[in-house]
Amino acid sequence: DAVSARTVAAVEGTRALATASHSIAASFGY
């Protein structure tokens, strides 16, 4: 989600992000 993206992106050395479909589905109850 947006807050997990911002949290990880703020870490020094992070150069790219990847989503996790399982995690997104679970966060919506699927």
Full PDB file with SEQRES, HELIX, SHEET, SSBOND, CRYST1, ORIGX, SCALE, CONECT and MASTER records, all heavy atoms in Angstrom:
SEQRES   1 A   30  ASP ALA VAL SER ALA ARG THR VAL ALA ALA VAL GLU GLY          
SEQRES   2 A   30  THR ARG ALA LEU ALA THR ALA SER HIS SER ILE ALA ALA          
SEQRES   3 A   30  SER PHE GLY TYR                                              
HELIX    1 AA1 ALA A    2  ALA A    9  1                                   8    
HELIX    2 AA2 SER A   21  SER A   27  1                                   7    
CRYST1    1.000    1.000    1.000  90.00  90.00  90.00 P 1           1          
ORIGX1      1.000000  0.000000  0.000000        0.00000                         
ORIGX2      0.000000  1.000000  0.000000        0.00000                         
ORIGX3      0.000000  0.000000  1.000000        0.00000                         
SCALE1      1.000000  0.000000  0.000000        0.00000                         
SCALE2      0.000000  1.000000  0.000000        0.00000                         
SCALE3      0.000000  0.000000  1.000000        0.00000                         
ATOM      1  N   ASP A   1       0.855  -1.187   0.000  1.00  0.00           N  
ATOM      2  CA  ASP A   1       0.000   0.000   0.000  1.00  0.00           C  
ATOM      3  C   ASP A   1       0.889   1.235   0.000  1.00  0.00           C  
ATOM      4  O   ASP A   1       2.128   1.124  -0.008  1.00  0.00           O  
ATOM      5  CB  ASP A   1      -0.971   0.007   1.187  1.00  0.00           C  
ATOM      6  CG  ASP A   1      -0.274  -0.029   2.542  1.00  0.00           C  
ATOM      7  OD1 ASP A   1       0.964   0.142   2.607  1.00  0.00           O  
ATOM      8  OD2 ASP A   1      -0.975  -0.236   3.557  1.00  0.00           O  
ATOM      9  N   ALA A   2       0.255   2.406   0.017  1.00  0.00           N  
ATOM     10  CA  ALA A   2       1.033   3.637  -0.101  1.00  0.00           C  
ATOM     11  C   ALA A   2       1.962   3.847   1.090  1.00  0.00           C  
ATOM     12  O   ALA A   2       3.113   4.258   0.919  1.00  0.00           O  
ATOM     13  CB  ALA A   2       0.094   4.833  -0.253  1.00  0.00           C  
ATOM     14  N   VAL A   3       1.494   3.548   2.304  1.00  0.00           N  
ATOM     15  CA  VAL A   3       2.335   3.818   3.470  1.00  0.00           C  
ATOM     16  C   VAL A   3       3.502   2.837   3.545  1.00  0.00           C  
ATOM     17  O   VAL A   3       4.624   3.220   3.912  1.00  0.00           O  
ATOM     18  CB  VAL A   3       1.510   3.837   4.777  1.00  0.00           C  
ATOM     19  CG1 VAL A   3       0.992   2.464   5.153  1.00  0.00           C  
ATOM     20  CG2 VAL A   3       2.330   4.444   5.918  1.00  0.00           C  
ATOM     21  N   SER A   4       3.284   1.575   3.180  1.00  0.00           N  
ATOM     22  CA  SER A   4       4.416   0.651   3.162  1.00  0.00           C  
ATOM     23  C   SER A   4       5.405   1.044   2.064  1.00  0.00           C  
ATOM     24  O   SER A   4       6.626   0.916   2.233  1.00  0.00           O  
ATOM     25  CB  SER A   4       3.949  -0.804   2.987  1.00  0.00           C  
ATOM     26  OG  SER A   4       3.280  -0.995   1.762  1.00  0.00           O  
ATOM     27  N   ALA A   5       4.900   1.554   0.937  1.00  0.00           N  
ATOM     28  CA  ALA A   5       5.784   2.012  -0.139  1.00  0.00           C  
ATOM     29  C   ALA A   5       6.633   3.187   0.320  1.00  0.00           C  
ATOM     30  O   ALA A   5       7.855   3.214   0.102  1.00  0.00           O  
ATOM     31  CB  ALA A   5       4.956   2.396  -1.364  1.00  0.00           C  
ATOM     32  N   ARG A   6       6.002   4.172   0.955  1.00  0.00           N  
ATOM     33  CA  ARG A   6       6.770   5.332   1.426  1.00  0.00           C  
ATOM     34  C   ARG A   6       7.777   4.928   2.492  1.00  0.00           C  
ATOM     35  O   ARG A   6       8.895   5.453   2.541  1.00  0.00           O  
ATOM     36  CB  ARG A   6       5.822   6.406   1.966  1.00  0.00           C  
ATOM     37  CG  ARG A   6       5.030   7.133   0.896  1.00  0.00           C  
ATOM     38  CD  ARG A   6       4.387   8.386   1.451  1.00  0.00           C  
ATOM     39  NE  ARG A   6       3.379   8.089   2.461  1.00  0.00           N  
ATOM     40  CZ  ARG A   6       2.085   7.923   2.218  1.00  0.00           C  
ATOM     41  NH1 ARG A   6       1.636   8.043   0.976  1.00  0.00           N  
ATOM     42  NH2 ARG A   6       1.239   7.664   3.182  1.00  0.00           N  
ATOM     43  N   THR A   7       7.393   3.986   3.356  1.00  0.00           N  
ATOM     44  CA  THR A   7       8.282   3.553   4.438  1.00  0.00           C  
ATOM     45  C   THR A   7       9.532   2.880   3.883  1.00  0.00           C  
ATOM     46  O   THR A   7      10.655   3.168   4.314  1.00  0.00           O  
ATOM     47  CB  THR A   7       7.535   2.587   5.373  1.00  0.00           C  
ATOM     48  OG1 THR A   7       6.406   3.276   5.940  1.00  0.00           O  
ATOM     49  CG2 THR A   7       8.427   2.095   6.491  1.00  0.00           C  
ATOM     50  N   VAL A   8       9.352   1.993   2.918  1.00  0.00           N  
ATOM     51  CA  VAL A   8      10.498   1.298   2.334  1.00  0.00           C  
ATOM     52  C   VAL A   8      11.321   2.249   1.471  1.00  0.00           C  
ATOM     53  O   VAL A   8      12.561   2.237   1.514  1.00  0.00           O  
ATOM     54  CB  VAL A   8      10.030   0.076   1.525  1.00  0.00           C  
ATOM     55  CG1 VAL A   8      11.186  -0.542   0.746  1.00  0.00           C  
ATOM     56  CG2 VAL A   8       9.401  -0.960   2.451  1.00  0.00           C  
ATOM     57  N   ALA A   9      10.657   3.090   0.700  1.00  0.00           N  
ATOM     58  CA  ALA A   9      11.371   4.016  -0.183  1.00  0.00           C  
ATOM     59  C   ALA A   9      12.255   4.982   0.593  1.00  0.00           C  
ATOM     60  O   ALA A   9      13.270   5.456   0.066  1.00  0.00           O  
ATOM     61  CB  ALA A   9      10.373   4.793  -1.039  1.00  0.00           C  
ATOM     62  N   ALA A  10      11.887   5.260   1.837  1.00  0.00           N  
ATOM     63  CA  ALA A  10      12.655   6.215   2.651  1.00  0.00           C  
ATOM     64  C   ALA A  10      13.964   5.633   3.168  1.00  0.00           C  
ATOM     65  O   ALA A  10      14.805   6.378   3.680  1.00  0.00           O  
ATOM     66  CB  ALA A  10      11.803   6.688   3.826  1.00  0.00           C  
ATOM     67  N   VAL A  11      14.141   4.331   3.050  1.00  0.00           N  
ATOM     68  CA  VAL A  11      15.349   3.691   3.556  1.00  0.00           C  
ATOM     69  C   VAL A  11      16.507   3.937   2.588  1.00  0.00           C  
ATOM     70  O   VAL A  11      16.389   3.676   1.384  1.00  0.00           O  
ATOM     71  CB  VAL A  11      15.129   2.175   3.750  1.00  0.00           C  
ATOM     72  CG1 VAL A  11      16.435   1.481   4.131  1.00  0.00           C  
ATOM     73  CG2 VAL A  11      14.069   1.931   4.809  1.00  0.00           C  
ATOM     74  N   GLU A  12      17.620   4.442   3.115  1.00  0.00           N  
ATOM     75  CA  GLU A  12      18.780   4.706   2.283  1.00  0.00           C  
ATOM     76  C   GLU A  12      19.228   3.425   1.589  1.00  0.00           C  
ATOM     77  O   GLU A  12      19.316   2.362   2.206  1.00  0.00           O  
ATOM     78  CB  GLU A  12      19.922   5.247   3.141  1.00  0.00           C  
ATOM     79  CG  GLU A  12      21.161   5.632   2.344  1.00  0.00           C  
ATOM     80  CD  GLU A  12      22.251   6.226   3.206  1.00  0.00           C  
ATOM     81  OE1 GLU A  12      22.010   6.421   4.427  1.00  0.00           O  
ATOM     82  OE2 GLU A  12      23.341   6.498   2.670  1.00  0.00           O  
ATOM     83  N   GLY A  13      19.479   3.517   0.305  1.00  0.00           N  
ATOM     84  CA  GLY A  13      19.899   2.361  -0.485  1.00  0.00           C  
ATOM     85  C   GLY A  13      18.792   1.728  -1.291  1.00  0.00           C  
ATOM     86  O   GLY A  13      19.070   0.929  -2.195  1.00  0.00           O  
ATOM     87  N   THR A  14      17.533   2.069  -0.991  1.00  0.00           N  
ATOM     88  CA  THR A  14      16.415   1.520  -1.759  1.00  0.00           C  
ATOM     89  C   THR A  14      16.379   2.184  -3.128  1.00  0.00           C  
ATOM     90  O   THR A  14      16.303   3.408  -3.232  1.00  0.00           O  
ATOM     91  CB  THR A  14      15.088   1.741  -1.028  1.00  0.00           C  
ATOM     92  OG1 THR A  14      15.137   1.114   0.249  1.00  0.00           O  
ATOM     93  CG2 THR A  14      13.926   1.158  -1.828  1.00  0.00           C  
ATOM     94  N   ARG A  15      16.422   1.376  -4.167  1.00  0.00           N  
ATOM     95  CA  ARG A  15      16.511   1.917  -5.532  1.00  0.00           C  
ATOM     96  C   ARG A  15      15.274   1.634  -6.377  1.00  0.00           C  
ATOM     97  O   ARG A  15      15.071   2.223  -7.436  1.00  0.00           O  
ATOM     98  CB  ARG A  15      17.749   1.333  -6.222  1.00  0.00           C  
ATOM     99  CG  ARG A  15      19.063   1.782  -5.585  1.00  0.00           C  
ATOM    100  CD  ARG A  15      20.231   0.937  -6.052  1.00  0.00           C  
ATOM    101  NE  ARG A  15      20.146  -0.417  -5.505  1.00  0.00           N  
ATOM    102  CZ  ARG A  15      20.744  -1.478  -6.040  1.00  0.00           C  
ATOM    103  NH1 ARG A  15      21.442  -1.349  -7.150  1.00  0.00           N  
ATOM    104  NH2 ARG A  15      20.632  -2.666  -5.466  1.00  0.00           N  
ATOM    105  N   ALA A  16      14.444   0.714  -5.926  1.00  0.00           N  
ATOM    106  CA  ALA A  16      13.222   0.358  -6.648  1.00  0.00           C  
ATOM    107  C   ALA A  16      12.288  -0.335  -5.673  1.00  0.00           C  
ATOM    108  O   ALA A  16      12.708  -0.815  -4.620  1.00  0.00           O  
ATOM    109  CB  ALA A  16      13.530  -0.547  -7.837  1.00  0.00           C  
ATOM    110  N   LEU A  17      11.016  -0.376  -6.039  1.00  0.00           N  
ATOM    111  CA  LEU A  17      10.016  -1.058  -5.233  1.00  0.00           C  
ATOM    112  C   LEU A  17       9.337  -2.142  -6.060  1.00  0.00           C  
ATOM    113  O   LEU A  17       9.271  -2.057  -7.288  1.00  0.00           O  
ATOM    114  CB  LEU A  17       8.947  -0.078  -4.737  1.00  0.00           C  
ATOM    115  CG  LEU A  17       9.393   1.042  -3.802  1.00  0.00           C  
ATOM    116  CD1 LEU A  17       8.194   1.903  -3.429  1.00  0.00           C  
ATOM    117  CD2 LEU A  17      10.064   0.494  -2.561  1.00  0.00           C  
ATOM    118  N   ALA A  18       8.837  -3.143  -5.350  1.00  0.00           N  
ATOM    119  CA  ALA A  18       8.034  -4.189  -5.985  1.00  0.00           C  
ATOM    120  C   ALA A  18       6.828  -4.458  -5.110  1.00  0.00           C  
ATOM    121  O   ALA A  18       6.936  -4.475  -3.877  1.00  0.00           O  
ATOM    122  CB  ALA A  18       8.849  -5.459  -6.174  1.00  0.00           C  
ATOM    123  N   THR A  19       5.681  -4.650  -5.733  1.00  0.00           N  
ATOM    124  CA  THR A  19       4.486  -4.984  -4.971  1.00  0.00           C  
ATOM    125  C   THR A  19       4.414  -6.495  -4.772  1.00  0.00           C  
ATOM    126  O   THR A  19       5.084  -7.262  -5.457  1.00  0.00           O  
ATOM    127  CB  THR A  19       3.213  -4.510  -5.688  1.00  0.00           C  
ATOM    128  OG1 THR A  19       2.972  -5.330  -6.839  1.00  0.00           O  
ATOM    129  CG2 THR A  19       3.327  -3.050  -6.108  1.00  0.00           C  
ATOM    130  N   ALA A  20       3.591  -6.908  -3.823  1.00  0.00           N  
ATOM    131  CA  ALA A  20       3.327  -8.327  -3.576  1.00  0.00           C  
ATOM    132  C   ALA A  20       1.830  -8.548  -3.749  1.00  0.00           C  
ATOM    133  O   ALA A  20       1.031  -8.010  -2.980  1.00  0.00           O  
ATOM    134  CB  ALA A  20       3.772  -8.726  -2.174  1.00  0.00           C  
ATOM    135  N   SER A  21       1.452  -9.319  -4.754  1.00  0.00           N  
ATOM    136  CA  SER A  21       0.026  -9.509  -5.036  1.00  0.00           C  
ATOM    137  C   SER A  21      -0.692 -10.186  -3.876  1.00  0.00           C  
ATOM    138  O   SER A  21      -1.832  -9.833  -3.542  1.00  0.00           O  
ATOM    139  CB  SER A  21      -0.146 -10.331  -6.313  1.00  0.00           C  
ATOM    140  OG  SER A  21       0.420 -11.626  -6.165  1.00  0.00           O  
ATOM    141  N   HIS A  22      -0.032 -11.169  -3.264  1.00  0.00           N  
ATOM    142  CA  HIS A  22      -0.620 -11.870  -2.118  1.00  0.00           C  
ATOM    143  C   HIS A  22      -0.939 -10.869  -1.014  1.00  0.00           C  
ATOM    144  O   HIS A  22      -2.031 -10.898  -0.418  1.00  0.00           O  
ATOM    145  CB  HIS A  22       0.369 -12.939  -1.633  1.00  0.00           C  
ATOM    146  CG  HIS A  22      -0.173 -13.849  -0.570  1.00  0.00           C  
ATOM    147  ND1 HIS A  22       0.263 -15.140  -0.419  1.00  0.00           N  
ATOM    148  CD2 HIS A  22      -1.097 -13.656   0.409  1.00  0.00           C  
ATOM    149  CE1 HIS A  22      -0.379 -15.710   0.599  1.00  0.00           C  
ATOM    150  NE2 HIS A  22      -1.201 -14.818   1.125  1.00  0.00           N  
ATOM    151  N   SER A  23       0.000  -9.970  -0.742  1.00  0.00           N  
ATOM    152  CA  SER A  23      -0.173  -8.994   0.334  1.00  0.00           C  
ATOM    153  C   SER A  23      -1.279  -8.002   0.020  1.00  0.00           C  
ATOM    154  O   SER A  23      -2.074  -7.639   0.902  1.00  0.00           O  
ATOM    155  CB  SER A  23       1.146  -8.259   0.582  1.00  0.00           C  
ATOM    156  OG  SER A  23       2.172  -9.168   0.932  1.00  0.00           O  
ATOM    157  N   ILE A  24      -1.336  -7.536  -1.223  1.00  0.00           N  
ATOM    158  CA  ILE A  24      -2.404  -6.606  -1.603  1.00  0.00           C  
ATOM    159  C   ILE A  24      -3.760  -7.291  -1.488  1.00  0.00           C  
ATOM    160  O   ILE A  24      -4.711  -6.736  -0.916  1.00  0.00           O  
ATOM    161  CB  ILE A  24      -2.168  -6.069  -3.026  1.00  0.00           C  
ATOM    162  CG1 ILE A  24      -0.949  -5.141  -3.044  1.00  0.00           C  
ATOM    163  CG2 ILE A  24      -3.414  -5.328  -3.533  1.00  0.00           C  
ATOM    164  CD1 ILE A  24      -0.567  -4.646  -4.422  1.00  0.00           C  
ATOM    165  N   ALA A  25      -3.866  -8.509  -2.011  1.00  0.00           N  
ATOM    166  CA  ALA A  25      -5.138  -9.230  -1.918  1.00  0.00           C  
ATOM    167  C   ALA A  25      -5.552  -9.413  -0.465  1.00  0.00           C  
ATOM    168  O   ALA A  25      -6.713  -9.173  -0.098  1.00  0.00           O  
ATOM    169  CB  ALA A  25      -5.010 -10.581  -2.620  1.00  0.00           C  
ATOM    170  N   ALA A  26      -4.613  -9.822   0.379  1.00  0.00           N  
ATOM    171  CA  ALA A  26      -4.934 -10.050   1.791  1.00  0.00           C  
ATOM    172  C   ALA A  26      -5.398  -8.778   2.478  1.00  0.00           C  
ATOM    173  O   ALA A  26      -6.297  -8.809   3.330  1.00  0.00           O  
ATOM    174  CB  ALA A  26      -3.712 -10.622   2.506  1.00  0.00           C  
ATOM    175  N   SER A  27      -4.807  -7.649   2.108  1.00  0.00           N  
ATOM    176  CA  SER A  27      -5.183  -6.392   2.758  1.00  0.00           C  
ATOM    177  C   SER A  27      -6.611  -5.983   2.427  1.00  0.00           C  
ATOM    178  O   SER A  27      -7.226  -5.199   3.160  1.00  0.00           O  
ATOM    179  CB  SER A  27      -4.205  -5.279   2.369  1.00  0.00           C  
ATOM    180  OG  SER A  27      -4.351  -4.909   1.007  1.00  0.00           O  
ATOM    181  N   PHE A  28      -7.160  -6.539   1.327  1.00  0.00           N  
ATOM    182  CA  PHE A  28      -8.557  -6.272   0.966  1.00  0.00           C  
ATOM    183  C   PHE A  28      -9.473  -7.458   1.306  1.00  0.00           C  
ATOM    184  O   PHE A  28     -10.656  -7.453   0.955  1.00  0.00           O  
ATOM    185  CB  PHE A  28      -8.671  -5.953  -0.521  1.00  0.00           C  
ATOM    186  CG  PHE A  28      -8.211  -4.566  -0.878  1.00  0.00           C  
ATOM    187  CD1 PHE A  28      -6.954  -4.359  -1.410  1.00  0.00           C  
ATOM    188  CD2 PHE A  28      -9.021  -3.471  -0.660  1.00  0.00           C  
ATOM    189  CE1 PHE A  28      -6.514  -3.091  -1.739  1.00  0.00           C  
ATOM    190  CE2 PHE A  28      -8.607  -2.186  -0.983  1.00  0.00           C  
ATOM    191  CZ  PHE A  28      -7.336  -1.994  -1.520  1.00  0.00           C  
ATOM    192  N   GLY A  29      -8.934  -8.481   1.965  1.00  0.00           N  
ATOM    193  CA  GLY A  29      -9.751  -9.609   2.392  1.00  0.00           C  
ATOM    194  C   GLY A  29      -9.920 -10.700   1.369  1.00  0.00           C  
ATOM    195  O   GLY A  29     -10.794 -11.570   1.526  1.00  0.00           O  
ATOM    196  N   TYR A  30      -9.077 -10.711   0.326  1.00  0.00           N  
ATOM    197  CA  TYR A  30      -9.171 -11.744  -0.709  1.00  0.00           C  
ATOM    198  C   TYR A  30      -8.082 -12.795  -0.516  1.00  0.00           C  
ATOM    199  O   TYR A  30      -6.973 -12.480  -0.085  1.00  0.00           O  
ATOM    200  CB  TYR A  30      -9.006 -11.133  -2.102  1.00  0.00           C  
ATOM    201  CG  TYR A  30     -10.150 -10.246  -2.533  1.00  0.00           C  
ATOM    202  CD1 TYR A  30     -10.100  -8.873  -2.343  1.00  0.00           C  
ATOM    203  CD2 TYR A  30     -11.288 -10.788  -3.131  1.00  0.00           C  
ATOM    204  CE1 TYR A  30     -11.143  -8.039  -2.742  1.00  0.00           C  
ATOM    205  CE2 TYR A  30     -12.354  -9.970  -3.530  1.00  0.00           C  
ATOM    206  CZ  TYR A  30     -12.262  -8.597  -3.332  1.00  0.00           C  
ATOM    207  OH  TYR A  30     -13.303  -7.789  -3.713  1.00  0.00           O  
TER     208      TYR A  30                                                      
MASTER        0    0    0    2    0    0    0    6  207    1    0    3          
END                                                                             
